[in-house]
PDB file of N, CA and C in Angstrom:
ATOM      1  N   MET A   1      14.399   5.265 -24.935  1.00  0.00           N
ATOM      2  CA  MET A   1      14.959   6.007 -24.111  1.00  0.00           C
ATOM      3  C   MET A   1      15.275   7.461 -24.700  1.00  0.00           C
ATOM      4  N   ARG A   2      15.036   8.433 -23.900  1.00  0.00           N
ATOM      5  CA  ARG A   2      15.178   9.807 -24.330  1.00  0.00           C
ATOM      6  C   ARG A   2      16.640  10.199 -24.518  1.00  0.00           C
ATOM      7  N   VAL A   3      16.993  11.042 -25.432  1.00  0.00           N
ATOM      8  CA  VAL A   3      18.213  11.584 -25.614  1.00  0.00           C
ATOM      9  C   VAL A   3      18.289  12.975 -25.012  1.00  0.00           C
ATOM     10  N   PHE A   4      19.240  13.340 -24.089  1.00  0.00           N
ATOM     11  CA  PHE A   4      19.420  14.588 -23.516  1.00  0.00           C
ATOM     12  C   PHE A   4      20.596  15.286 -24.068  1.00  0.00           C
ATOM     13  N   ALA A   5      20.540  16.677 -24.062  1.00  0.00           N
ATOM     14  CA  ALA A   5      21.622  17.441 -24.496  1.00  0.00           C
ATOM     15  C   ALA A   5      22.902  17.285 -23.580  1.00  0.00           C
ATOM     16  N   ARG A   6      22.609  17.073 -22.321  1.00  0.00           N
ATOM     17  CA  ARG A   6      23.731  16.921 -21.296  1.00  0.00           C
ATOM     18  C   ARG A   6      23.532  15.478 -20.714  1.00  0.00           C
ATOM     19  N   THR A   7      24.632  14.851 -20.772  1.00  0.00           N
ATOM     20  CA  THR A   7      24.642  13.466 -20.092  1.00  0.00           C
ATOM     21  C   THR A   7      25.882  13.426 -18.996  1.00  0.00           C
ATOM     22  N   PRO A   8      25.546  13.005 -17.861  1.00  0.00           N
ATOM     23  CA  PRO A   8      26.544  12.866 -16.769  1.00  0.00           C
ATOM     24  C   PRO A   8      27.570  11.899 -17.294  1.00  0.00           C
ATOM     25  N   LEU A   9      28.909  12.243 -16.925  1.00  0.00           N
ATOM     26  CA  LEU A   9      29.981  11.343 -17.316  1.00  0.00           C
ATOM     27  C   LEU A   9      29.896  10.005 -16.622  1.00  0.00           C
ATOM     28  N   ASP A  10      29.307   9.874 -15.538  1.00  0.00           N
ATOM     29  CA  ASP A  10      29.197   8.571 -14.707  1.00  0.00           C
ATOM     30  C   ASP A  10      27.847   8.033 -14.841  1.00  0.00           C
ATOM     31  N   ILE A  11      27.147   8.186 -15.988  1.00  0.00           N
ATOM     32  CA  ILE A  11      25.693   7.783 -16.075  1.00  0.00           C
ATOM     33  C   ILE A  11      25.520   6.247 -15.821  1.00  0.00           C
ATOM     34  N   GLU A  12      26.601   5.608 -16.315  1.00  0.00           N
ATOM     35  CA  GLU A  12      26.406   4.067 -16.105  1.00  0.00           C
ATOM     36  C   GLU A  12      26.445   3.628 -14.694  1.00  0.00           C
ATOM     37  N   LYS A  13      27.027   4.507 -13.807  1.00  0.00           N
ATOM     38  CA  LYS A  13      26.886   4.173 -12.363  1.00  0.00           C
ATOM     39  C   LYS A  13      25.678   4.692 -11.630  1.00  0.00           C
ATOM     40  N   ALA A  14      24.827   5.384 -12.304  1.00  0.00           N
ATOM     41  CA  ALA A  14      23.554   5.970 -11.744  1.00  0.00           C
ATOM     42  C   ALA A  14      22.510   4.794 -11.607  1.00  0.00           C
ATOM     43  N   ILE A  15      21.819   4.885 -10.425  1.00  0.00           N
ATOM     44  CA  ILE A  15      20.722   3.895 -10.094  1.00  0.00           C
ATOM     45  C   ILE A  15      19.436   4.629 -10.466  1.00  0.00           C
ATOM     46  N   ILE A  16      18.817   4.151 -11.411  1.00  0.00           N
ATOM     47  CA  ILE A  16      17.592   4.799 -11.869  1.00  0.00           C
ATOM     48  C   ILE A  16      16.360   4.244 -10.924  1.00  0.00           C
ATOM     49  N   PRO A  17      15.626   5.039 -10.123  1.00  0.00           N
ATOM     50  CA  PRO A  17      14.613   4.424  -9.273  1.00  0.00           C
ATOM     51  C   PRO A  17      13.522   3.907 -10.185  1.00  0.00           C
ATOM     52  N   ARG A  18      12.827   2.881  -9.759  1.00  0.00           N
ATOM     53  CA  ARG A  18      11.647   2.328 -10.419  1.00  0.00           C
ATOM     54  C   ARG A  18      10.450   2.399  -9.546  1.00  0.00           C
ATOM     55  N   GLY A  19       9.331   2.479 -10.220  1.00  0.00           N
ATOM     56  CA  GLY A  19       8.078   2.493  -9.382  1.00  0.00           C
ATOM     57  C   GLY A  19       7.076   1.750 -10.042  1.00  0.00           C
ATOM     58  N   GLN A  20       5.995   1.300  -9.241  1.00  0.00           N
ATOM     59  CA  GLN A  20       4.867   0.608  -9.908  1.00  0.00           C
ATOM     60  C   GLN A  20       3.673   1.533  -9.609  1.00  0.00           C
ATOM     61  N   VAL A  21       2.877   1.665 -10.672  1.00  0.00           N
ATOM     62  CA  VAL A  21       1.728   2.533 -10.666  1.00  0.00           C
ATOM     63  C   VAL A  21       0.396   1.697 -10.319  1.00  0.00           C
ATOM     64  N   PHE A  22      -0.364   2.345  -9.335  1.00  0.00           N
ATOM     65  CA  PHE A  22      -1.566   1.723  -8.876  1.00  0.00           C
ATOM     66  C   PHE A  22      -2.729   2.745  -9.261  1.00  0.00           C
ATOM     67  N   ILE A  23      -3.677   2.275  -9.912  1.00  0.00           N
ATOM     68  CA  ILE A  23      -4.815   3.203 -10.267  1.00  0.00           C
ATOM     69  C   ILE A  23      -6.098   2.598  -9.526  1.00  0.00           C
ATOM     70  N   ILE A  24      -6.811   3.519  -8.945  1.00  0.00           N
ATOM     71  CA  ILE A  24      -8.155   3.248  -8.231  1.00  0.00           C
ATOM     72  C   ILE A  24      -9.282   3.776  -9.304  1.00  0.00           C
ATOM     73  N   PRO A  25      -9.724   2.961 -10.228  1.00  0.00           N
ATOM     74  CA  PRO A  25     -10.606   3.359 -11.187  1.00  0.00           C
ATOM     75  C   PRO A  25     -11.984   4.050 -10.697  1.00  0.00           C
ATOM     76  N   GLU A  26     -12.403   3.483  -9.513  1.00  0.00           N
ATOM     77  CA  GLU A  26     -13.666   4.020  -9.037  1.00  0.00           C
ATOM     78  C   GLU A  26     -13.592   5.453  -8.586  1.00  0.00           C
ATOM     79  N   ARG A  27     -12.303   5.953  -8.213  1.00  0.00           N
ATOM     80  CA  ARG A  27     -12.128   7.344  -7.871  1.00  0.00           C
ATOM     81  C   ARG A  27     -12.100   8.308  -9.020  1.00  0.00           C
ATOM     82  N   CYS A  28     -11.564   7.757 -10.153  1.00  0.00           N
ATOM     83  CA  CYS A  28     -11.174   8.740 -11.223  1.00  0.00           C
ATOM     84  C   CYS A  28     -12.416   9.383 -11.957  1.00  0.00           C
ATOM     85  N   LYS A  29     -12.122  10.628 -12.214  1.00  0.00           N
ATOM     86  CA  LYS A  29     -13.198  11.399 -13.051  1.00  0.00           C
ATOM     87  C   LYS A  29     -12.656  11.741 -14.409  1.00  0.00           C
ATOM     88  N   GLY A  30     -11.606  11.086 -14.889  1.00  0.00           N
ATOM     89  CA  GLY A  30     -11.288  11.283 -16.337  1.00  0.00           C
ATOM     90  C   GLY A  30     -10.697  12.636 -16.571  1.00  0.00           C
ATOM     91  N   CYS A  31     -10.055  13.302 -15.757  1.00  0.00           N
ATOM     92  CA  CYS A  31      -9.479  14.604 -16.045  1.00  0.00           C
ATOM     93  C   CYS A  31      -8.241  14.638 -16.912  1.00  0.00           C
ATOM     94  N   GLU A  32      -7.473  13.431 -16.973  1.00  0.00           N
ATOM     95  CA  GLU A  32      -6.366  13.206 -17.727  1.00  0.00           C
ATOM     96  C   GLU A  32      -5.194  13.957 -17.377  1.00  0.00           C
ATOM     97  N   VAL A  33      -5.139  14.540 -16.104  1.00  0.00           N
ATOM     98  CA  VAL A  33      -4.075  15.306 -15.673  1.00  0.00           C
ATOM     99  C   VAL A  33      -2.837  14.386 -15.535  1.00  0.00           C
ATOM    100  N   CYS A  34      -2.978  13.319 -14.889  1.00  0.00           N
ATOM    101  CA  CYS A  34      -1.944  12.443 -14.735  1.00  0.00           C
ATOM    102  C   CYS A  34      -1.207  11.846 -16.101  1.00  0.00           C
ATOM    103  N   VAL A  35      -2.059  11.689 -16.994  1.00  0.00           N
ATOM    104  CA  VAL A  35      -1.592  11.366 -18.377  1.00  0.00           C
ATOM    105  C   VAL A  35      -0.759  12.337 -19.014  1.00  0.00           C
ATOM    106  N   ARG A  36      -1.351  13.598 -18.903  1.00  0.00           N
ATOM    107  CA  ARG A  36      -0.719  14.712 -19.637  1.00  0.00           C
ATOM    108  C   ARG A  36       0.635  15.103 -19.100  1.00  0.00           C
ATOM    109  N   PHE A  37       0.838  14.925 -17.639  1.00  0.00           N
ATOM    110  CA  PHE A  37       2.090  15.373 -17.030  1.00  0.00           C
ATOM    111  C   PHE A  37       2.938  14.281 -16.597  1.00  0.00           C
ATOM    112  N   CYS A  38       2.814  13.137 -16.924  1.00  0.00           N
ATOM    113  CA  CYS A  38       3.679  12.042 -16.562  1.00  0.00           C
ATOM    114  C   CYS A  38       5.066  12.246 -17.305  1.00  0.00           C
ATOM    115  N   PRO A  39       6.110  12.457 -16.677  1.00  0.00           N
ATOM    116  CA  PRO A  39       7.368  12.776 -17.364  1.00  0.00           C
ATOM    117  C   PRO A  39       7.945  11.684 -18.134  1.00  0.00           C
ATOM    118  N   GLN A  40       7.540  10.332 -17.872  1.00  0.00           N
ATOM    119  CA  GLN A  40       7.997   9.192 -18.497  1.00  0.00           C
ATOM    120  C   GLN A  40       7.054   8.703 -19.543  1.00  0.00           C
ATOM    121  N   GLU A  41       5.828   9.459 -19.637  1.00  0.00           N
ATOM    122  CA  GLU A  41       4.883   8.969 -20.623  1.00  0.00           C
ATOM    123  C   GLU A  41       4.442   7.696 -20.476  1.00  0.00           C
ATOM    124  N   VAL A  42       4.196   7.111 -19.200  1.00  0.00           N
ATOM    125  CA  VAL A  42       3.766   5.848 -18.887  1.00  0.00           C
ATOM    126  C   VAL A  42       2.364   5.554 -19.070  1.00  0.00           C
ATOM    127  N   LEU A  43       1.486   6.661 -18.937  1.00  0.00           N
ATOM    128  CA  LEU A  43       0.035   6.431 -18.847  1.00  0.00           C
ATOM    129  C   LEU A  43      -0.641   6.930 -20.082  1.00  0.00           C
ATOM    130  N   ALA A  44      -1.882   6.234 -20.236  1.00  0.00           N
ATOM    131  CA  ALA A  44      -2.805   6.546 -21.303  1.00  0.00           C
ATOM    132  C   ALA A  44      -4.174   6.449 -20.841  1.00  0.00           C
ATOM    133  N   ILE A  45      -5.141   6.920 -21.413  1.00  0.00           N
ATOM    134  CA  ILE A  45      -6.541   6.785 -21.061  1.00  0.00           C
ATOM    135  C   ILE A  45      -7.038   5.501 -21.664  1.00  0.00           C
ATOM    136  N   SER A  46      -7.555   4.637 -20.776  1.00  0.00           N
ATOM    137  CA  SER A  46      -8.113   3.326 -21.347  1.00  0.00           C
ATOM    138  C   SER A  46      -9.428   3.490 -21.903  1.00  0.00           C
ATOM    139  N   ASP A  47      -9.848   2.390 -22.724  1.00  0.00           N
ATOM    140  CA  ASP A  47     -11.204   2.413 -23.329  1.00  0.00           C
ATOM    141  C   ASP A  47     -12.206   2.030 -22.314  1.00  0.00           C
ATOM    142  N   SER A  48     -11.829   1.552 -21.248  1.00  0.00           N
ATOM    143  CA  SER A  48     -12.778   1.001 -20.024  1.00  0.00           C
ATOM    144  C   SER A  48     -13.349   2.225 -19.375  1.00  0.00           C
ATOM    145  N   ARG A  49     -14.425   2.082 -18.799  1.00  0.00           N
ATOM    146  CA  ARG A  49     -15.077   3.188 -17.932  1.00  0.00           C
ATOM    147  C   ARG A  49     -15.342   2.592 -16.648  1.00  0.00           C
ATOM    148  N   ASN A  50     -15.421   3.443 -15.670  1.00  0.00           N
ATOM    149  CA  ASN A  50     -15.769   3.130 -14.313  1.00  0.00           C
ATOM    150  C   ASN A  50     -17.135   3.245 -14.112  1.00  0.00           C
ATOM    151  N   ALA A  51     -17.872   2.956 -12.947  1.00  0.00           N
ATOM    152  CA  ALA A  51     -19.178   3.065 -12.679  1.00  0.00           C
ATOM    153  C   ALA A  51     -19.870   4.347 -12.910  1.00  0.00           C
ATOM    154  N   LYS A  52     -19.148   5.349 -12.837  1.00  0.00           N
ATOM    155  CA  LYS A  52     -19.626   6.707 -13.072  1.00  0.00           C
ATOM    156  C   LYS A  52     -19.480   7.042 -14.589  1.00  0.00           C
ATOM    157  N   GLY A  53     -18.983   6.255 -15.337  1.00  0.00           N
ATOM    158  CA  GLY A  53     -18.876   6.469 -16.840  1.00  0.00           C
ATOM    159  C   GLY A  53     -17.662   7.197 -17.280  1.00  0.00           C
ATOM    160  N   TYR A  54     -16.636   7.352 -16.451  1.00  0.00           N
ATOM    161  CA  TYR A  54     -15.439   7.952 -16.821  1.00  0.00           C
ATOM    162  C   TYR A  54     -14.425   7.154 -17.290  1.00  0.00           C
ATOM    163  N   ARG A  55     -13.630   7.422 -18.300  1.00  0.00           N
ATOM    164  CA  ARG A  55     -12.472   6.707 -18.729  1.00  0.00           C
ATOM    165  C   ARG A  55     -11.300   6.968 -17.843  1.00  0.00           C
ATOM    166  N   TYR A  56     -10.660   5.947 -17.316  1.00  0.00           N
ATOM    167  CA  TYR A  56      -9.545   6.196 -16.410  1.00  0.00           C
ATOM    168  C   TYR A  56      -8.259   5.729 -17.057  1.00  0.00           C
ATOM    169  N   PRO A  57      -7.100   6.180 -16.361  1.00  0.00           N
ATOM    170  CA  PRO A  57      -5.787   5.884 -17.016  1.00  0.00           C
ATOM    171  C   PRO A  57      -5.464   4.524 -16.727  1.00  0.00           C
ATOM    172  N   MET A  58      -4.476   4.121 -17.599  1.00  0.00           N
ATOM    173  CA  MET A  58      -3.852   2.783 -17.513  1.00  0.00           C
ATOM    174  C   MET A  58      -2.496   2.871 -17.801  1.00  0.00           C
ATOM    175  N   VAL A  59      -1.639   1.930 -17.468  1.00  0.00           N
ATOM    176  CA  VAL A  59      -0.182   1.792 -17.839  1.00  0.00           C
ATOM    177  C   VAL A  59      -0.115   1.371 -19.159  1.00  0.00           C
ATOM    178  N   ILE A  60       0.564   1.982 -20.060  1.00  0.00           N
ATOM    179  CA  ILE A  60       0.653   1.621 -21.476  1.00  0.00           C
ATOM    180  C   ILE A  60       1.455   0.360 -21.570  1.00  0.00           C
ATOM    181  N   SER A  61       0.895  -0.587 -22.304  1.00  0.00           N
ATOM    182  CA  SER A  61       1.554  -1.872 -22.533  1.00  0.00           C
ATOM    183  C   SER A  61       2.997  -1.824 -22.938  1.00  0.00           C
ATOM    184  N   GLY A  62       3.972  -2.401 -22.390  1.00  0.00           N
ATOM    185  CA  GLY A  62       5.322  -2.293 -22.684  1.00  0.00           C
ATOM    186  C   GLY A  62       6.098  -1.298 -21.845  1.00  0.00           C
ATOM    187  N   LYS A  63       5.384  -0.400 -21.145  1.00  0.00           N
ATOM    188  CA  LYS A  63       6.014   0.613 -20.269  1.00  0.00           C
ATOM    189  C   LYS A  63       5.815   0.346 -18.793  1.00  0.00           C
ATOM    190  N   GLU A  64       5.501  -0.864 -18.475  1.00  0.00           N
ATOM    191  CA  GLU A  64       5.359  -1.177 -17.000  1.00  0.00           C
ATOM    192  C   GLU A  64       6.512  -0.954 -16.210  1.00  0.00           C
ATOM    193  N   THR A  65       7.686  -0.950 -16.733  1.00  0.00           N
ATOM    194  CA  THR A  65       8.925  -0.771 -15.979  1.00  0.00           C
ATOM    195  C   THR A  65       9.472   0.558 -16.157  1.00  0.00           C
ATOM    196  N   ASP A  66       8.860   1.478 -16.890  1.00  0.00           N
ATOM    197  CA  ASP A  66       9.378   2.778 -17.180  1.00  0.00           C
ATOM    198  C   ASP A  66       9.087   3.899 -16.066  1.00  0.00           C
ATOM    199  N   CYS A  67       8.239   3.503 -15.090  1.00  0.00           N
ATOM    200  CA  CYS A  67       7.863   4.594 -14.099  1.00  0.00           C
ATOM    201  C   CYS A  67       9.135   4.739 -13.156  1.00  0.00           C
ATOM    202  N   VAL A  68       9.377   6.044 -12.852  1.00  0.00           N
ATOM    203  CA  VAL A  68      10.686   6.285 -12.006  1.00  0.00           C
ATOM    204  C   VAL A  68      10.226   6.678 -10.604  1.00  0.00           C
ATOM    205  N   ASN A  69       9.051   6.366 -10.288  1.00  0.00           N
ATOM    206  CA  ASN A  69       8.475   6.695  -8.922  1.00  0.00           C
ATOM    207  C   ASN A  69       8.645   8.123  -8.458  1.00  0.00           C
ATOM    208  N   CYS A  70       8.374   8.973  -9.414  1.00  0.00           N
ATOM    209  CA  CYS A  70       8.512  10.515  -9.155  1.00  0.00           C
ATOM    210  C   CYS A  70       7.314  11.006  -8.342  1.00  0.00           C
ATOM    211  N   GLU A  71       6.281  10.160  -8.345  1.00  0.00           N
ATOM    212  CA  GLU A  71       4.995  10.367  -7.617  1.00  0.00           C
ATOM    213  C   GLU A  71       4.294  11.677  -8.086  1.00  0.00           C
ATOM    214  N   PHE A  72       4.643  12.199  -9.262  1.00  0.00           N
ATOM    215  CA  PHE A  72       3.917  13.386  -9.903  1.00  0.00           C
ATOM    216  C   PHE A  72       2.440  13.159 -10.071  1.00  0.00           C
ATOM    217  N   CYS A  73       2.248  11.876 -10.594  1.00  0.00           N
ATOM    218  CA  CYS A  73       0.732  11.559 -10.817  1.00  0.00           C
ATOM    219  C   CYS A  73      -0.040  11.604  -9.592  1.00  0.00           C
ATOM    220  N   THR A  74       0.594  11.179  -8.501  1.00  0.00           N
ATOM    221  CA  THR A  74      -0.097  11.314  -7.108  1.00  0.00           C
ATOM    222  C   THR A  74      -0.399  12.652  -6.717  1.00  0.00           C
ATOM    223  N   LEU A  75       0.628  13.575  -6.964  1.00  0.00           N
ATOM    224  CA  LEU A  75       0.448  14.881  -6.430  1.00  0.00           C
ATOM    225  C   LEU A  75      -0.513  15.710  -7.324  1.00  0.00           C
ATOM    226  N   VAL A  76      -0.669  15.426  -8.587  1.00  0.00           N
ATOM    227  CA  VAL A  76      -1.677  16.172  -9.502  1.00  0.00           C
ATOM    228  C   VAL A  76      -2.981  15.709  -9.546  1.00  0.00           C
ATOM    229  N   CYS A  77      -3.256  14.546  -9.148  1.00  0.00           N
ATOM    230  CA  CYS A  77      -4.582  13.902  -9.044  1.00  0.00           C
ATOM    231  C   CYS A  77      -5.519  14.547  -8.196  1.00  0.00           C
ATOM    232  N   PRO A  78      -6.571  15.100  -8.504  1.00  0.00           N
ATOM    233  CA  PRO A  78      -7.487  15.781  -7.686  1.00  0.00           C
ATOM    234  C   PRO A  78      -8.498  14.894  -6.906  1.00  0.00           C
ATOM    235  N   GLU A  79      -8.532  13.599  -7.356  1.00  0.00           N
ATOM    236  CA  GLU A  79      -9.405  12.625  -6.772  1.00  0.00           C
ATOM    237  C   GLU A  79      -8.674  11.565  -6.046  1.00  0.00           C
ATOM    238  N   PHE A  80      -7.357  11.606  -5.936  1.00  0.00           N
ATOM    239  CA  PHE A  80      -6.525  10.578  -5.244  1.00  0.00           C
ATOM    240  C   PHE A  80      -6.828   9.249  -5.817  1.00  0.00           C
ATOM    241  N   ALA A  81      -6.835   9.077  -7.043  1.00  0.00           N
ATOM    242  CA  ALA A  81      -7.175   7.858  -7.775  1.00  0.00           C
ATOM    243  C   ALA A  81      -5.975   7.186  -8.357  1.00  0.00           C
ATOM    244  N   ILE A  82      -4.671   7.756  -8.149  1.00  0.00           N
ATOM    245  CA  ILE A  82      -3.626   7.005  -8.647  1.00  0.00           C
ATOM    246  C   ILE A  82      -2.368   7.351  -7.591  1.00  0.00           C
ATOM    247  N   PHE A  83      -1.483   6.259  -7.504  1.00  0.00           N
ATOM    248  CA  PHE A  83      -0.442   6.441  -6.757  1.00  0.00           C
ATOM    249  C   PHE A  83       0.772   5.557  -7.231  1.00  0.00           C
ATOM    250  N   THR A  84       1.963   5.781  -6.775  1.00  0.00           N
ATOM    251  CA  THR A  84       2.990   4.846  -7.160  1.00  0.00           C
ATOM    252  C   THR A  84       3.781   4.362  -5.796  1.00  0.00           C
ATOM    253  N   LEU A  85       4.334   3.281  -5.885  1.00  0.00           N
ATOM    254  CA  LEU A  85       5.200   2.754  -4.851  1.00  0.00           C
ATOM    255  C   LEU A  85       6.534   2.254  -5.465  1.00  0.00           C
ATOM    256  N   PRO A  86       7.612   2.403  -4.535  1.00  0.00           N
ATOM    257  CA  PRO A  86       8.909   1.913  -5.133  1.00  0.00           C
ATOM    258  C   PRO A  86       8.758   0.481  -5.467  1.00  0.00           C
ATOM    259  N   TRP A  87       9.581   0.144  -6.581  1.00  0.00           N
ATOM    260  CA  TRP A  87       9.484  -1.243  -7.054  1.00  0.00           C
ATOM    261  C   TRP A  87      10.965  -1.705  -7.397  1.00  0.00           C
ATOM    262  N   ASP A  88      11.388  -2.812  -6.852  1.00  0.00           N
ATOM    263  CA  ASP A  88      12.792  -3.241  -7.058  1.00  0.00           C
ATOM    264  C   ASP A  88      12.972  -4.164  -8.173  1.00  0.00           C
ATOM    265  N   GLY A  89      11.829  -4.431  -8.961  1.00  0.00           N
ATOM    266  CA  GLY A  89      12.053  -5.310 -10.129  1.00  0.00           C
ATOM    267  C   GLY A  89      11.622  -6.691  -9.848  1.00  0.00           C
ATOM    268  N   ASP A  90      11.276  -7.032  -8.593  1.00  0.00           N
ATOM    269  CA  ASP A  90      10.932  -8.380  -8.230  1.00  0.00           C
ATOM    270  C   ASP A  90       9.622  -8.648  -8.750  1.00  0.00           C
ATOM    271  N   GLN A  91       9.289  -9.799  -9.561  1.00  0.00           N
ATOM    272  CA  GLN A  91       7.921  -9.976 -10.064  1.00  0.00           C
ATOM    273  C   GLN A  91       6.927 -10.305  -8.993  1.00  0.00           C
ATOM    274  N   ASN A  92       7.490 -10.710  -7.806  1.00  0.00           N
ATOM    275  CA  ASN A  92       6.567 -11.163  -6.665  1.00  0.00           C
ATOM    276  C   ASN A  92       6.195 -10.087  -5.704  1.00  0.00           C
ATOM    277  N   GLY A  93       6.707  -8.901  -6.035  1.00  0.00           N
ATOM    278  CA  GLY A  93       6.318  -7.913  -4.996  1.00  0.00           C
ATOM    279  C   GLY A  93       5.938  -6.684  -5.512  1.00  0.00           C
TER     280      GLY A  93
END
């Protein structure tokens, strides 16, 4: 968890949104914009390559629940290869 200079007094009452990241490897062209600009540092470039030969992003092991569904990766991806959806913590959904 990051340490901030200012912390709200009622931080324990705050509900932190959660998201689940979905990647469409076939669309990715390996620009790494999503990885570089993820505010929660949830993404990394995988060693795997898609059919075009590009290495695509993946969720870092152990950070599967760190996405806050800000959707910034979705906004900055020029190829529409990544998106997030709200996640309530249910393993079935």
